[in-house]
Every structure is written in C-alpha cells, then in structure tokens.
Amino acid sequence: MSAPDLTEHMLETSDEYRGRLLHVKKDRVRLPNGAESTREYIVHPGAAVILPIFDNGDLLLERQHRYPLHRDFLELPAGKFDPDETELACAQRELEEETGYLARQWRQLPTFHPCIGYSDERLVYFEARDLSYSGHDMDEDEFLEILRVPMADALEMVGDGRISDGKTVMGLLWYARYGG
C-alpha cells in the first residue's frame, strides 16, 4: 500500500510584504482533492545556531532583549544566513560577532524547522569547540550579555522555564540526548 500524495501545488503567488528580515507571501494552491485554497507564509533566509562548548563542558549563552515579547531571553548564539554564505561560514561569523569567541573545531548537527505552519525557516545547528576569546565585533544595533553556564545548569533552566527560546530549547535538548 502506497502513501497518499498530500502535495499542494502552487497556482499563483503574490508578495504581501517585504521587509529587511521578513518576506510574507500569499499563494493560491490546488489541494490534493482538486479544490483550491490559499496559503500565507513567511519566507526566511534561515539561520545558523551555535552550541559553543568549553573544554570543561560549560556552555556559552547570550542574554538578549527581544522586542516582540518585551523581555530578555537566554539563548544560544545564532544569526541569519547572508546571501551566498555557507552555513558554516555564517556560524563562524555569528559566534565571533556576537560573543567575541572563535572555535577551532566545528561539527554540523541536525537542521530543524521551527515554524512549519507559517514559515520556511530552517535552523542549522553547529557544535563549536576549542574556544578562544578574540574580542567583540557586534552589530551596532545588537546589545548582548555573554554568559558561561555549566551544561547541567542550562538544562535545568530549560526544565524550569528560565530558558524558553525555542531554538535554544531544541538545541540543548537534542544535544543532551543525542549529541554529547
């Protein structure tokens, strides 16, 4: 028995909004049963997410204010892909820009899709090891506090809700179960 074809086919597309980061599209689609419907979604460039791990197992986290929720969050370093930039190059650039650290060892981890109902965003995870401090090179509109946290403490913060950022929760829980 073969699986049913659930593919939706785009008939027409339009740009509803195009900003500096987000691009919202609205497509008219043909459904698997032949009927038509619309799909609205965000086109996102994707991002690299870094798990910077010190030799003793401590983790490098950032505390950053996130305007949409008007509060600070503890997060893994991350940043969106620039056009024509490799995923690894993005991870390396973002780690240095945001934290001031370089890593000599890089390992690509899985890719996750955090918002499949309304966005094509993909998060490509990397483990970064053999860290050395080189100095900050943050963007002029970026304000961060860099924290060194034992991995067990970070996982405890996920458990009690002090870490609630989705990309960070996904990365830490995956790493604790499969990556370390």
Protein backbone atom coordinates (compact mmCIF):
# COMPACT_ATOMS: atom_id res chain seq x y z
CA MET A 1 0.00 0.00 0.00
CA SER A 2 1.49 3.33 -1.03
CA ALA A 3 1.16 6.55 0.92
CA PRO A 4 -1.35 9.07 -0.43
CA ASP A 5 0.01 12.11 -2.27
CA LEU A 6 -0.55 15.09 0.04
CA THR A 7 1.25 17.62 -2.15
CA GLU A 8 -0.29 21.04 -2.62
CA HIS A 9 0.54 22.72 -5.96
CA MET A 10 1.05 26.49 -6.25
CA LEU A 11 -1.20 28.08 -8.88
CA GLU A 12 -0.43 31.73 -8.21
CA THR A 13 1.83 33.64 -5.81
CA SER A 14 1.97 37.22 -4.58
CA ASP A 15 4.18 39.23 -2.25
CA GLU A 16 2.15 40.65 0.63
CA TYR A 17 5.05 42.29 2.48
CA ARG A 18 8.81 42.56 2.01
CA GLY A 19 10.91 43.92 4.87
CA ARG A 20 14.52 43.85 5.97
CA LEU A 21 14.17 40.41 7.57
CA LEU A 22 10.76 39.01 6.65
CA HIS A 23 9.05 38.41 3.36
CA VAL A 24 5.37 37.43 3.51
CA LYS A 25 3.82 35.58 0.58
CA LYS A 26 0.29 34.53 -0.26
CA ASP A 27 -0.17 31.62 -2.64
CA ARG A 28 -3.25 30.17 -4.27
CA VAL A 29 -2.85 26.38 -4.25
CA ARG A 30 -4.52 23.28 -5.59
CA LEU A 31 -5.18 20.79 -2.81
CA PRO A 32 -4.73 17.01 -3.18
CA ASN A 33 -8.51 16.61 -3.68
CA GLY A 34 -8.54 19.16 -6.53
CA ALA A 35 -10.07 22.04 -4.55
CA GLU A 36 -8.30 25.40 -4.22
CA SER A 37 -7.21 27.29 -1.13
CA THR A 38 -4.74 29.99 -0.06
CA ARG A 39 -1.53 29.70 1.95
CA GLU A 40 0.14 32.63 3.69
CA TYR A 41 3.69 32.14 4.88
CA ILE A 42 6.92 33.87 5.80
CA VAL A 43 9.99 33.40 3.65
CA HIS A 44 13.02 33.45 5.96
CA PRO A 45 16.71 33.22 4.96
CA GLY A 46 17.39 30.57 7.62
CA ALA A 47 19.92 30.75 10.41
CA ALA A 48 22.89 29.05 11.99
CA VAL A 49 22.62 28.18 15.69
CA ILE A 50 25.81 27.50 17.62
CA LEU A 51 26.39 25.38 20.72
CA PRO A 52 29.74 26.80 21.92
CA ILE A 53 31.16 24.32 24.44
CA PHE A 54 34.25 24.92 26.55
CA ASP A 55 36.73 22.15 27.34
CA ASN A 56 35.17 21.58 30.79
CA GLY A 57 31.66 21.22 29.27
CA ASP A 58 30.43 24.73 30.09
CA LEU A 59 28.21 26.37 27.50
CA LEU A 60 28.35 29.91 26.15
CA LEU A 61 24.92 31.60 26.22
CA GLU A 62 23.69 35.10 25.46
CA ARG A 63 21.19 37.22 27.32
CA GLN A 64 19.38 39.40 24.82
CA HIS A 65 16.32 41.63 24.88
CA ARG A 66 13.70 40.52 22.35
CA TYR A 67 11.44 43.37 21.40
CA PRO A 68 8.32 41.43 20.27
CA LEU A 69 7.95 39.96 23.78
CA HIS A 70 9.47 42.96 25.63
CA ARG A 71 11.77 40.86 27.79
CA ASP A 72 15.24 39.36 27.98
CA PHE A 73 15.94 35.78 26.94
CA LEU A 74 18.83 33.36 27.44
CA GLU A 75 19.79 31.99 24.04
CA LEU A 76 22.35 30.11 22.06
CA PRO A 77 24.29 32.37 19.68
CA ALA A 78 22.62 32.43 16.27
CA GLY A 79 22.22 34.53 13.18
CA LYS A 80 20.62 34.54 9.78
CA PHE A 81 22.38 33.48 6.63
CA ASP A 82 23.67 36.21 4.37
CA PRO A 83 23.16 35.72 0.61
CA ASP A 84 25.74 33.33 -0.88
CA GLU A 85 27.15 32.50 2.58
CA THR A 86 27.74 28.89 3.56
CA GLU A 87 26.05 27.60 6.69
CA LEU A 88 29.39 27.03 8.43
CA ALA A 89 30.70 30.47 7.45
CA CYS A 90 27.57 32.01 8.96
CA ALA A 91 28.02 30.06 12.21
CA GLN A 92 31.67 31.10 12.44
CA ARG A 93 30.87 34.76 11.72
CA GLU A 94 27.99 34.91 14.19
CA LEU A 95 29.95 33.27 17.01
CA GLU A 96 32.74 35.80 16.67
CA GLU A 97 30.49 38.85 16.12
CA GLU A 98 28.10 38.11 18.97
CA THR A 99 30.37 36.57 21.59
CA GLY A 100 33.93 37.50 20.66
CA TYR A 101 34.90 33.83 20.56
CA LEU A 102 36.50 31.75 17.82
CA ALA A 103 36.31 27.95 17.63
CA ARG A 104 38.92 25.64 16.15
CA GLN A 105 36.61 22.62 15.94
CA TRP A 106 33.23 22.65 14.23
CA ARG A 107 30.70 19.86 13.84
CA GLN A 108 27.42 20.23 11.98
CA LEU A 109 24.40 18.93 13.88
CA PRO A 110 20.85 18.40 12.57
CA THR A 111 18.71 21.01 10.88
CA PHE A 112 15.35 21.82 12.46
CA HIS A 113 12.31 23.66 11.09
CA PRO A 114 10.78 25.63 13.98
CA CYS A 115 7.65 27.13 12.38
CA ILE A 116 6.42 24.73 9.66
CA GLY A 117 2.84 26.02 9.76
CA TYR A 118 3.72 29.55 8.67
CA SER A 119 7.39 29.81 7.67
CA ASP A 120 10.08 28.09 5.60
CA GLU A 121 12.72 28.97 8.24
CA ARG A 122 15.40 26.37 8.85
CA LEU A 123 17.84 26.32 11.73
CA VAL A 124 21.17 24.63 11.04
CA TYR A 125 22.92 23.70 14.29
CA PHE A 126 26.66 23.52 14.91
CA GLU A 127 28.78 22.41 17.83
CA ALA A 128 31.77 24.72 18.34
CA ARG A 129 34.72 23.57 20.48
CA ASP A 130 38.27 24.58 21.32
CA LEU A 131 37.10 28.13 22.01
CA SER A 132 39.35 31.16 22.34
CA TYR A 133 38.41 34.76 23.01
CA SER A 134 39.29 37.24 20.24
CA GLY A 135 37.19 40.31 21.12
CA HIS A 136 33.66 41.53 20.33
CA ASP A 137 32.57 42.67 16.89
CA MET A 138 28.82 43.11 17.49
CA ASP A 139 26.50 44.83 15.06
CA GLU A 140 25.79 48.44 16.08
CA ASP A 141 22.16 47.60 16.92
CA GLU A 142 22.99 44.46 18.93
CA PHE A 143 23.28 44.50 22.72
CA LEU A 144 24.13 41.22 24.47
CA GLU A 145 25.44 39.86 27.73
CA ILE A 146 27.66 36.80 27.30
CA LEU A 147 27.35 34.09 29.97
CA ARG A 148 29.34 30.94 30.69
CA VAL A 149 26.97 28.34 32.14
CA PRO A 150 27.54 24.69 33.12
CA MET A 151 25.61 22.44 30.73
CA ALA A 152 23.70 20.84 33.64
CA ASP A 153 22.57 24.30 34.78
CA ALA A 154 21.45 25.22 31.25
CA LEU A 155 19.38 22.04 31.05
CA GLU A 156 17.89 22.79 34.47
CA MET A 157 16.93 26.26 33.15
CA VAL A 158 15.15 24.58 30.23
CA GLY A 159 13.31 22.36 32.69
CA ASP A 160 12.10 25.19 34.90
CA GLY A 161 11.34 27.61 32.05
CA ARG A 162 14.13 30.13 32.58
CA ILE A 163 15.28 29.18 29.07
CA SER A 164 12.19 29.29 26.84
CA ASP A 165 13.58 30.39 23.46
CA GLY A 166 12.56 27.67 21.00
CA LYS A 167 15.85 27.38 19.09
CA THR A 168 17.78 27.13 22.35
CA VAL A 169 15.45 24.57 23.92
CA MET A 170 15.57 22.44 20.74
CA GLY A 171 19.33 22.62 20.54
CA LEU A 172 20.05 21.90 24.18
CA LEU A 173 17.59 19.01 24.49
CA TRP A 174 18.75 17.43 21.24
CA TYR A 175 22.39 17.80 22.28
CA ALA A 176 21.78 16.36 25.76
CA ARG A 177 20.04 13.31 24.28
CA TYR A 178 21.94 12.67 21.04
CA GLY A 179 24.92 14.95 20.56
CA GLY A 180 27.24 14.89 23.53
